[in-house]
Amino acid sequence: MTDNMPKGKENESSTVNIVSRSHWNAMEPRSKDKMQGLAQQVIIHHTALWSCRQSQEYISQLTYIQKMHVEERGFEDIGYNFLLGQDGTVYEGRGWGIVGAHAKNHNLNSIGIAFMGNFNDYSPSSSALSAAQILIRCGVAQGFLNPNFVILGHRDIANTECPGEYLYSSLATLRYQ
């Protein structure tokens, strides 16, 4: 699935490739709750797992995360709304308009975006950062995200190192102009 950019952005990269749940073999969620209104926050995470280089490695990591979230943590589904590969590919987690399970006491009004990898060890790629910017812009354009949203690292609202030092230092670049 490909999302189009808002009008007036034609001179920028105009699409983001979103790999649907069916294409990464996601299990059906046990249940899903729709968000009541626009998300007010974008909360950035990292998976703190291994680096991936190929599509199949990303899919293996996605299915591992979903299984861990459902079976070990008791979530209804994978916790994040979207996950990003270092190649710039966006994977649909819970998707737009669905309450996530990624940031305790903040799930009802936020979108959780997880960068795949451990960003205590290395910096996110420019492709992943660009894909996040475009995804966020699409969320605003499609009416899922308040235009005056706030970007937070998971560590801003929880006692965690997430999203890793290198990714955390890049958060300001995710706010588009």
N, C-alpha and C. Protein backbone atom coordinates (compact mmCIF):
# COMPACT_ATOMS: atom_id res chain seq x y z
N MET A 1 0.85 -1.16 0.00
CA MET A 1 0.00 0.00 0.00
C MET A 1 0.89 1.21 0.00
N THR A 2 0.53 2.27 -0.71
CA THR A 2 1.31 3.49 -0.76
C THR A 2 0.40 4.65 -0.39
N ASP A 3 0.90 5.50 0.49
CA ASP A 3 0.14 6.69 0.88
C ASP A 3 0.67 7.89 0.11
N ASN A 4 -0.23 8.74 -0.35
CA ASN A 4 0.17 9.93 -1.08
C ASN A 4 0.36 11.09 -0.12
N MET A 5 1.24 11.98 -0.51
CA MET A 5 1.55 13.16 0.29
C MET A 5 0.46 14.21 0.10
N PRO A 6 0.37 15.16 1.04
CA PRO A 6 -0.57 16.26 0.86
C PRO A 6 -0.16 17.11 -0.34
N LYS A 7 -1.13 17.76 -0.95
CA LYS A 7 -0.85 18.65 -2.08
C LYS A 7 0.11 19.74 -1.62
N GLY A 8 0.93 20.21 -2.56
CA GLY A 8 1.89 21.25 -2.24
C GLY A 8 3.24 20.67 -1.84
N LYS A 9 3.37 19.36 -1.79
CA LYS A 9 4.64 18.73 -1.42
C LYS A 9 5.20 17.95 -2.62
N GLU A 10 4.79 18.32 -3.82
CA GLU A 10 5.16 17.53 -4.98
C GLU A 10 6.66 17.50 -5.23
N ASN A 11 7.38 18.53 -4.78
CA ASN A 11 8.81 18.57 -5.04
C ASN A 11 9.59 17.69 -4.05
N GLU A 12 8.93 17.14 -3.06
CA GLU A 12 9.57 16.25 -2.11
C GLU A 12 9.22 14.81 -2.49
N SER A 13 9.89 13.86 -1.86
CA SER A 13 9.52 12.46 -2.05
C SER A 13 8.02 12.35 -1.75
N SER A 14 7.26 11.79 -2.68
CA SER A 14 5.81 11.91 -2.55
C SER A 14 5.11 10.68 -2.01
N THR A 15 5.81 9.61 -1.75
CA THR A 15 5.12 8.44 -1.25
C THR A 15 5.94 7.75 -0.17
N VAL A 16 5.25 6.99 0.61
CA VAL A 16 5.90 6.10 1.57
C VAL A 16 5.31 4.72 1.33
N ASN A 17 6.19 3.75 1.24
CA ASN A 17 5.76 2.38 1.02
C ASN A 17 5.40 1.77 2.37
N ILE A 18 4.14 1.39 2.56
CA ILE A 18 3.71 0.75 3.79
C ILE A 18 3.40 -0.71 3.50
N VAL A 19 4.16 -1.58 4.12
CA VAL A 19 3.93 -3.01 3.96
C VAL A 19 2.78 -3.39 4.88
N SER A 20 1.72 -3.90 4.30
CA SER A 20 0.52 -4.24 5.06
C SER A 20 0.77 -5.43 5.98
N ARG A 21 -0.10 -5.56 6.95
CA ARG A 21 -0.03 -6.69 7.90
C ARG A 21 -0.05 -8.03 7.17
N SER A 22 -0.90 -8.14 6.16
CA SER A 22 -1.00 -9.42 5.45
C SER A 22 0.30 -9.77 4.74
N HIS A 23 1.04 -8.76 4.30
CA HIS A 23 2.30 -9.04 3.60
C HIS A 23 3.44 -9.41 4.53
N TRP A 24 3.31 -9.12 5.82
CA TRP A 24 4.34 -9.62 6.75
C TRP A 24 3.79 -10.75 7.63
N ASN A 25 2.65 -11.28 7.22
CA ASN A 25 2.05 -12.47 7.86
C ASN A 25 1.68 -12.25 9.32
N ALA A 26 1.13 -11.08 9.61
CA ALA A 26 0.70 -10.78 10.98
C ALA A 26 -0.45 -11.68 11.38
N MET A 27 -0.46 -12.05 12.65
CA MET A 27 -1.62 -12.76 13.21
C MET A 27 -2.76 -11.75 13.32
N GLU A 28 -3.97 -12.23 13.30
CA GLU A 28 -5.12 -11.35 13.52
C GLU A 28 -5.08 -10.86 14.97
N PRO A 29 -5.41 -9.58 15.20
CA PRO A 29 -5.44 -9.10 16.59
C PRO A 29 -6.57 -9.77 17.37
N ARG A 30 -6.37 -9.94 18.65
CA ARG A 30 -7.43 -10.48 19.51
C ARG A 30 -8.60 -9.51 19.54
N SER A 31 -8.28 -8.24 19.57
CA SER A 31 -9.29 -7.18 19.48
C SER A 31 -8.55 -5.90 19.11
N LYS A 32 -9.31 -4.87 18.74
CA LYS A 32 -8.69 -3.58 18.46
C LYS A 32 -9.68 -2.49 18.79
N ASP A 33 -9.16 -1.44 19.42
CA ASP A 33 -9.98 -0.29 19.80
C ASP A 33 -9.64 0.89 18.91
N LYS A 34 -10.66 1.53 18.39
CA LYS A 34 -10.45 2.73 17.58
C LYS A 34 -10.15 3.92 18.48
N MET A 35 -9.27 4.78 18.00
CA MET A 35 -8.96 6.00 18.73
C MET A 35 -10.17 6.93 18.70
N GLN A 36 -10.36 7.65 19.76
CA GLN A 36 -11.44 8.63 19.85
C GLN A 36 -10.87 10.00 19.50
N GLY A 37 -10.83 10.33 18.23
CA GLY A 37 -10.27 11.60 17.79
C GLY A 37 -8.85 11.44 17.26
N LEU A 38 -8.24 12.58 16.99
CA LEU A 38 -6.89 12.60 16.43
C LEU A 38 -5.85 12.29 17.48
N ALA A 39 -4.79 11.63 17.07
CA ALA A 39 -3.64 11.43 17.96
C ALA A 39 -2.99 12.79 18.19
N GLN A 40 -2.56 13.03 19.41
CA GLN A 40 -1.93 14.30 19.78
C GLN A 40 -0.41 14.17 19.89
N GLN A 41 0.07 12.93 19.99
CA GLN A 41 1.49 12.68 20.18
C GLN A 41 1.97 11.61 19.22
N VAL A 42 3.24 11.73 18.85
CA VAL A 42 3.95 10.67 18.15
C VAL A 42 5.05 10.24 19.12
N ILE A 43 5.00 8.99 19.52
CA ILE A 43 6.00 8.47 20.46
C ILE A 43 6.92 7.54 19.70
N ILE A 44 8.21 7.88 19.76
CA ILE A 44 9.22 7.15 19.01
C ILE A 44 9.89 6.11 19.91
N HIS A 45 10.01 4.90 19.37
CA HIS A 45 10.61 3.77 20.07
C HIS A 45 11.71 3.17 19.20
N HIS A 46 12.49 2.29 19.78
CA HIS A 46 13.30 1.37 19.00
C HIS A 46 12.99 -0.03 19.49
N THR A 47 13.20 -1.00 18.63
CA THR A 47 12.89 -2.37 19.02
C THR A 47 13.98 -2.95 19.91
N ALA A 48 15.17 -2.34 19.90
CA ALA A 48 16.33 -2.80 20.67
C ALA A 48 16.69 -4.25 20.32
N LEU A 49 16.41 -4.63 19.09
CA LEU A 49 16.72 -5.97 18.61
C LEU A 49 17.80 -5.90 17.54
N TRP A 50 18.01 -6.99 16.87
CA TRP A 50 19.08 -7.12 15.89
C TRP A 50 18.85 -6.25 14.66
N SER A 51 19.94 -5.94 13.97
CA SER A 51 19.87 -5.18 12.71
C SER A 51 19.43 -6.11 11.59
N CYS A 52 18.65 -5.56 10.70
CA CYS A 52 18.16 -6.33 9.56
C CYS A 52 18.74 -5.74 8.28
N ARG A 53 18.95 -6.58 7.30
CA ARG A 53 19.48 -6.13 6.03
C ARG A 53 18.56 -6.50 4.85
N GLN A 54 17.73 -7.50 5.03
CA GLN A 54 16.88 -7.98 3.94
C GLN A 54 15.43 -8.03 4.40
N SER A 55 14.55 -8.00 3.42
CA SER A 55 13.11 -8.03 3.70
C SER A 55 12.73 -9.20 4.61
N GLN A 56 13.25 -10.37 4.34
CA GLN A 56 12.87 -11.55 5.14
C GLN A 56 13.31 -11.40 6.59
N GLU A 57 14.45 -10.74 6.83
CA GLU A 57 14.91 -10.51 8.20
C GLU A 57 13.96 -9.56 8.94
N TYR A 58 13.49 -8.53 8.24
CA TYR A 58 12.51 -7.61 8.85
C TYR A 58 11.23 -8.37 9.20
N ILE A 59 10.76 -9.20 8.29
CA ILE A 59 9.53 -9.95 8.53
C ILE A 59 9.70 -10.89 9.71
N SER A 60 10.85 -11.53 9.81
CA SER A 60 11.12 -12.40 10.96
C SER A 60 11.08 -11.61 12.26
N GLN A 61 11.65 -10.42 12.25
CA GLN A 61 11.65 -9.60 13.45
C GLN A 61 10.23 -9.13 13.80
N LEU A 62 9.46 -8.76 12.80
CA LEU A 62 8.08 -8.33 13.04
C LEU A 62 7.25 -9.44 13.67
N THR A 63 7.35 -10.64 13.12
CA THR A 63 6.57 -11.75 13.67
C THR A 63 7.05 -12.11 15.07
N TYR A 64 8.36 -11.98 15.32
CA TYR A 64 8.91 -12.22 16.66
C TYR A 64 8.34 -11.20 17.65
N ILE A 65 8.32 -9.93 17.26
CA ILE A 65 7.80 -8.87 18.14
C ILE A 65 6.32 -9.09 18.42
N GLN A 66 5.54 -9.38 17.38
CA GLN A 66 4.11 -9.59 17.60
C GLN A 66 3.87 -10.76 18.54
N LYS A 67 4.58 -11.85 18.32
CA LYS A 67 4.41 -13.04 19.18
C LYS A 67 4.80 -12.70 20.62
N MET A 68 5.90 -11.97 20.83
CA MET A 68 6.33 -11.58 22.17
C MET A 68 5.28 -10.68 22.83
N HIS A 69 4.77 -9.70 22.09
CA HIS A 69 3.78 -8.78 22.64
C HIS A 69 2.50 -9.51 23.04
N VAL A 70 2.06 -10.44 22.21
CA VAL A 70 0.80 -11.15 22.47
C VAL A 70 0.98 -12.24 23.53
N GLU A 71 1.98 -13.08 23.36
CA GLU A 71 2.12 -14.24 24.22
C GLU A 71 2.80 -13.94 25.56
N GLU A 72 3.81 -13.08 25.56
CA GLU A 72 4.53 -12.80 26.80
C GLU A 72 3.99 -11.60 27.56
N ARG A 73 3.58 -10.58 26.84
CA ARG A 73 3.12 -9.36 27.50
C ARG A 73 1.61 -9.28 27.63
N GLY A 74 0.90 -10.16 26.96
CA GLY A 74 -0.56 -10.19 27.06
C GLY A 74 -1.27 -9.09 26.29
N PHE A 75 -0.60 -8.49 25.30
CA PHE A 75 -1.24 -7.47 24.47
C PHE A 75 -2.22 -8.13 23.51
N GLU A 76 -3.11 -7.34 22.96
CA GLU A 76 -4.08 -7.84 21.99
C GLU A 76 -3.46 -8.03 20.61
N ASP A 77 -2.31 -7.38 20.38
CA ASP A 77 -1.67 -7.37 19.07
C ASP A 77 -0.26 -6.82 19.26
N ILE A 78 0.47 -6.68 18.19
CA ILE A 78 1.74 -5.97 18.26
C ILE A 78 1.47 -4.59 18.85
N GLY A 79 2.35 -4.08 19.65
CA GLY A 79 2.06 -2.85 20.39
C GLY A 79 2.13 -1.57 19.57
N TYR A 80 2.99 -1.53 18.55
CA TYR A 80 3.25 -0.30 17.80
C TYR A 80 2.25 -0.10 16.66
N ASN A 81 2.04 1.15 16.30
CA ASN A 81 1.19 1.44 15.15
C ASN A 81 1.94 1.20 13.84
N PHE A 82 3.24 1.55 13.84
CA PHE A 82 4.07 1.36 12.65
C PHE A 82 5.48 1.01 13.10
N LEU A 83 6.20 0.30 12.25
CA LEU A 83 7.60 -0.02 12.48
C LEU A 83 8.38 0.35 11.23
N LEU A 84 9.61 0.81 11.42
CA LEU A 84 10.42 1.29 10.30
C LEU A 84 11.70 0.49 10.17
N GLY A 85 11.97 0.04 8.95
CA GLY A 85 13.24 -0.60 8.65
C GLY A 85 14.28 0.43 8.30
N GLN A 86 15.54 0.08 8.43
CA GLN A 86 16.63 0.99 8.09
C GLN A 86 16.70 1.27 6.60
N ASP A 87 16.03 0.46 5.80
CA ASP A 87 15.97 0.70 4.35
C ASP A 87 14.87 1.69 3.99
N GLY A 88 14.14 2.20 5.00
CA GLY A 88 13.08 3.18 4.74
C GLY A 88 11.71 2.56 4.55
N THR A 89 11.60 1.26 4.65
CA THR A 89 10.30 0.60 4.51
C THR A 89 9.51 0.76 5.81
N VAL A 90 8.24 1.09 5.66
CA VAL A 90 7.33 1.23 6.80
C VAL A 90 6.45 -0.02 6.84
N TYR A 91 6.39 -0.62 8.02
CA TYR A 91 5.55 -1.80 8.22
C TYR A 91 4.36 -1.42 9.08
N GLU A 92 3.18 -1.84 8.64
CA GLU A 92 1.96 -1.58 9.40
C GLU A 92 1.93 -2.48 10.63
N GLY A 93 1.83 -1.84 11.79
CA GLY A 93 1.60 -2.57 13.03
C GLY A 93 0.10 -2.58 13.27
N ARG A 94 -0.34 -1.76 14.22
CA ARG A 94 -1.79 -1.62 14.41
C ARG A 94 -2.39 -0.67 13.38
N GLY A 95 -1.58 0.19 12.82
CA GLY A 95 -2.04 1.11 11.78
C GLY A 95 -2.63 2.39 12.34
N TRP A 96 -3.14 3.22 11.45
CA TRP A 96 -3.74 4.51 11.81
C TRP A 96 -5.08 4.29 12.51
N GLY A 97 -5.35 5.15 13.46
CA GLY A 97 -6.66 5.19 14.09
C GLY A 97 -6.95 4.07 15.08
N ILE A 98 -5.96 3.24 15.39
CA ILE A 98 -6.12 2.13 16.33
C ILE A 98 -5.26 2.40 17.56
N VAL A 99 -5.83 2.24 18.74
CA VAL A 99 -5.10 2.44 19.99
C VAL A 99 -4.00 1.40 20.08
N GLY A 100 -2.78 1.86 20.35
CA GLY A 100 -1.63 0.97 20.48
C GLY A 100 -1.43 0.51 21.92
N ALA A 101 -0.34 -0.22 22.11
CA ALA A 101 0.08 -0.67 23.44
C ALA A 101 1.59 -0.51 23.50
N HIS A 102 2.02 0.75 23.43
CA HIS A 102 3.45 1.03 23.33
C HIS A 102 3.97 1.98 24.40
N ALA A 103 3.07 2.70 25.08
CA ALA A 103 3.51 3.69 26.07
C ALA A 103 2.43 3.83 27.14
N LYS A 104 2.63 3.14 28.25
CA LYS A 104 1.64 3.10 29.33
C LYS A 104 1.15 4.51 29.68
N ASN A 105 -0.16 4.64 29.81
CA ASN A 105 -0.85 5.90 30.12
C ASN A 105 -0.81 6.93 28.99
N HIS A 106 -0.32 6.56 27.81
CA HIS A 106 -0.26 7.49 26.68
C HIS A 106 -0.82 6.88 25.40
N ASN A 107 -1.33 5.68 25.46
CA ASN A 107 -1.76 4.99 24.25
C ASN A 107 -3.01 5.57 23.62
N LEU A 108 -3.89 6.13 24.41
CA LEU A 108 -5.18 6.58 23.88
C LEU A 108 -5.08 7.79 22.96
N ASN A 109 -3.98 8.57 23.08
CA ASN A 109 -3.88 9.79 22.27
C ASN A 109 -2.56 9.87 21.52
N SER A 110 -1.96 8.70 21.21
CA SER A 110 -0.67 8.74 20.53
C SER A 110 -0.57 7.67 19.46
N ILE A 111 0.40 7.88 18.60
CA ILE A 111 0.80 6.91 17.59
C ILE A 111 2.19 6.45 17.99
N GLY A 112 2.41 5.16 18.04
CA GLY A 112 3.72 4.60 18.37
C GLY A 112 4.44 4.16 17.11
N ILE A 113 5.62 4.74 16.88
CA ILE A 113 6.44 4.38 15.73
C ILE A 113 7.75 3.81 16.27
N ALA A 114 8.04 2.56 15.91
CA ALA A 114 9.25 1.90 16.36
C ALA A 114 10.23 1.74 15.21
N PHE A 115 11.45 2.23 15.41
CA PHE A 115 12.53 2.01 14.47
C PHE A 115 13.13 0.64 14.81
N MET A 116 13.28 -0.20 13.79
CA MET A 116 13.77 -1.55 14.02
C MET A 116 15.29 -1.55 14.14
N GLY A 117 15.77 -1.97 15.30
CA GLY A 117 17.20 -2.00 15.59
C GLY A 117 17.46 -1.47 16.98
N ASN A 118 18.74 -1.38 17.34
CA ASN A 118 19.13 -0.88 18.65
C ASN A 118 19.93 0.40 18.48
N PHE A 119 19.33 1.52 18.82
CA PHE A 119 19.93 2.82 18.55
C PHE A 119 20.71 3.37 19.75
N ASN A 120 21.05 2.47 20.66
CA ASN A 120 22.12 2.73 21.62
C ASN A 120 23.45 2.39 20.96
N ASP A 121 23.40 1.59 19.89
CA ASP A 121 24.61 1.10 19.24
C ASP A 121 24.99 1.86 17.98
N TYR A 122 24.03 2.42 17.27
CA TYR A 122 24.31 3.10 16.00
C TYR A 122 23.18 4.09 15.70
N SER A 123 23.44 4.94 14.72
CA SER A 123 22.47 5.98 14.32
C SER A 123 21.44 5.42 13.35
N PRO A 124 20.23 5.97 13.38
CA PRO A 124 19.25 5.56 12.38
C PRO A 124 19.69 6.04 10.99
N SER A 125 19.31 5.31 9.98
CA SER A 125 19.66 5.69 8.61
C SER A 125 18.86 6.91 8.17
N SER A 126 19.40 7.62 7.20
CA SER A 126 18.65 8.75 6.65
C SER A 126 17.38 8.27 5.97
N SER A 127 17.40 7.05 5.40
CA SER A 127 16.19 6.50 4.77
C SER A 127 15.09 6.27 5.79
N ALA A 128 15.44 5.75 6.96
CA ALA A 128 14.44 5.52 8.01
C ALA A 128 13.91 6.85 8.54
N LEU A 129 14.78 7.81 8.76
CA LEU A 129 14.33 9.12 9.25
C LEU A 129 13.41 9.80 8.24
N SER A 130 13.77 9.73 6.96
CA SER A 130 12.92 10.32 5.91
C SER A 130 11.58 9.62 5.84
N ALA A 131 11.58 8.31 5.94
CA ALA A 131 10.31 7.56 5.90
C ALA A 131 9.43 7.95 7.07
N ALA A 132 10.02 8.16 8.25
CA ALA A 132 9.24 8.59 9.42
C ALA A 132 8.63 9.96 9.18
N GLN A 133 9.40 10.88 8.61
CA GLN A 133 8.87 12.22 8.31
C GLN A 133 7.68 12.13 7.37
N ILE A 134 7.81 11.35 6.32
CA ILE A 134 6.73 11.21 5.35
C ILE A 134 5.52 10.54 5.98
N LEU A 135 5.74 9.49 6.77
CA LEU A 135 4.64 8.81 7.45
C LEU A 135 3.88 9.78 8.35
N ILE A 136 4.61 10.56 9.12
CA ILE A 136 3.98 11.54 10.01
C ILE A 136 3.19 12.57 9.20
N ARG A 137 3.76 13.05 8.11
CA ARG A 137 3.07 14.01 7.25
C ARG A 137 1.79 13.40 6.69
N CYS A 138 1.85 12.13 6.30
CA CYS A 138 0.66 11.45 5.79
C CYS A 138 -0.40 11.31 6.87
N GLY A 139 0.01 11.05 8.11
CA GLY A 139 -0.94 10.94 9.21
C GLY A 139 -1.70 12.23 9.44
N VAL A 140 -1.00 13.35 9.30
CA VAL A 140 -1.66 14.66 9.42
C VAL A 140 -2.61 14.86 8.24
N ALA A 141 -2.10 14.63 7.02
CA ALA A 141 -2.89 14.87 5.81
C ALA A 141 -4.15 13.99 5.76
N GLN A 142 -4.07 12.77 6.30
CA GLN A 142 -5.20 11.86 6.26
C GLN A 142 -6.12 12.00 7.46
N GLY A 143 -5.82 12.94 8.35
CA GLY A 143 -6.72 13.22 9.47
C GLY A 143 -6.61 12.28 10.65
N PHE A 144 -5.48 11.61 10.81
CA PHE A 144 -5.27 10.73 11.96
C PHE A 144 -4.43 11.38 13.05
N LEU A 145 -3.69 12.41 12.70
CA LEU A 145 -2.73 13.04 13.59
C LEU A 145 -2.95 14.54 13.60
N ASN A 146 -3.08 15.11 14.80
CA ASN A 146 -3.26 16.55 14.95
C ASN A 146 -2.07 17.28 14.32
N PRO A 147 -2.31 18.31 13.51
CA PRO A 147 -1.20 19.06 12.92
C PRO A 147 -0.26 19.66 13.97
N ASN A 148 -0.73 19.88 15.16
CA ASN A 148 0.09 20.42 16.24
C ASN A 148 0.59 19.32 17.18
N PHE A 149 0.85 18.15 16.62
CA PHE A 149 1.30 17.00 17.41
C PHE A 149 2.63 17.29 18.10
N VAL A 150 2.90 16.52 19.13
CA VAL A 150 4.16 16.58 19.86
C VAL A 150 4.91 15.28 19.61
N ILE A 151 6.21 15.37 19.32
CA ILE A 151 7.04 14.17 19.17
C ILE A 151 7.78 13.95 20.48
N LEU A 152 7.69 12.73 20.97
CA LEU A 152 8.37 12.34 22.20
C LEU A 152 9.15 11.05 21.96
N GLY A 153 10.24 10.92 22.69
CA GLY A 153 10.90 9.62 22.77
C GLY A 153 10.25 8.87 23.91
N HIS A 154 10.21 7.56 23.84
CA HIS A 154 9.59 6.77 24.89
C HIS A 154 10.18 7.14 26.25
N ARG A 155 11.47 7.46 26.30
CA ARG A 155 12.12 7.83 27.56
C ARG A 155 11.57 9.12 28.17
N ASP A 156 10.90 9.94 27.37
CA ASP A 156 10.32 11.19 27.89
C ASP A 156 9.14 10.92 28.81
N ILE A 157 8.54 9.74 28.70
CA ILE A 157 7.34 9.44 29.48
C ILE A 157 7.44 8.16 30.29
N ALA A 158 8.61 7.50 30.23
CA ALA A 158 8.79 6.23 30.96
C ALA A 158 10.25 6.10 31.39
N ASN A 159 10.48 5.26 32.35
CA ASN A 159 11.82 5.00 32.85
C ASN A 159 12.49 3.95 31.97
N THR A 160 13.05 4.41 30.85
CA THR A 160 13.63 3.53 29.84
C THR A 160 14.70 4.28 29.07
N GLU A 161 15.58 3.55 28.41
CA GLU A 161 16.55 4.16 27.50
C GLU A 161 15.97 4.35 26.10
N CYS A 162 14.84 3.76 25.85
CA CYS A 162 14.18 3.79 24.55
C CYS A 162 13.90 5.24 24.14
N PRO A 163 14.20 5.66 22.95
CA PRO A 163 14.54 4.90 21.75
C PRO A 163 16.04 4.78 21.45
N GLY A 164 16.86 4.78 22.45
CA GLY A 164 18.30 4.70 22.24
C GLY A 164 18.88 6.09 22.05
N GLU A 165 20.11 6.26 22.47
CA GLU A 165 20.74 7.58 22.47
C GLU A 165 20.83 8.20 21.08
N TYR A 166 21.23 7.41 20.09
CA TYR A 166 21.41 7.95 18.74
C TYR A 166 20.09 8.35 18.09
N LEU A 167 19.07 7.56 18.27
CA LEU A 167 17.76 7.92 17.70
C LEU A 167 17.15 9.08 18.47
N TYR A 168 17.28 9.05 19.78
CA TYR A 168 16.72 10.14 20.59
C TYR A 168 17.30 11.49 20.16
N SER A 169 18.58 11.52 19.85
CA SER A 169 19.20 12.79 19.45
C SER A 169 18.74 13.25 18.06
N SER A 170 18.05 12.38 17.32
CA SER A 170 17.54 12.72 15.99
C SER A 170 16.06 13.11 15.99
N LEU A 171 15.40 13.11 17.13
CA LEU A 171 13.94 13.34 17.16
C LEU A 171 13.54 14.67 16.53
N ALA A 172 14.32 15.71 16.74
CA ALA A 172 13.96 17.02 16.20
C ALA A 172 13.87 17.00 14.68
N THR A 173 14.61 16.12 14.03
CA THR A 173 14.58 16.05 12.56
C THR A 173 13.28 15.45 12.04
N LEU A 174 12.50 14.83 12.91
CA LEU A 174 11.27 14.20 12.46
C LEU A 174 10.11 15.18 12.32
N ARG A 175 10.23 16.33 12.91
CA ARG A 175 9.19 17.36 12.81
C ARG A 175 9.34 18.05 11.46
N TYR A 176 8.34 17.91 10.61
CA TYR A 176 8.43 18.53 9.29
C TYR A 176 7.98 19.98 9.36
N GLN A 177 8.40 20.73 8.38
CA GLN A 177 8.06 22.17 8.33
C GLN A 177 6.85 22.41 7.45
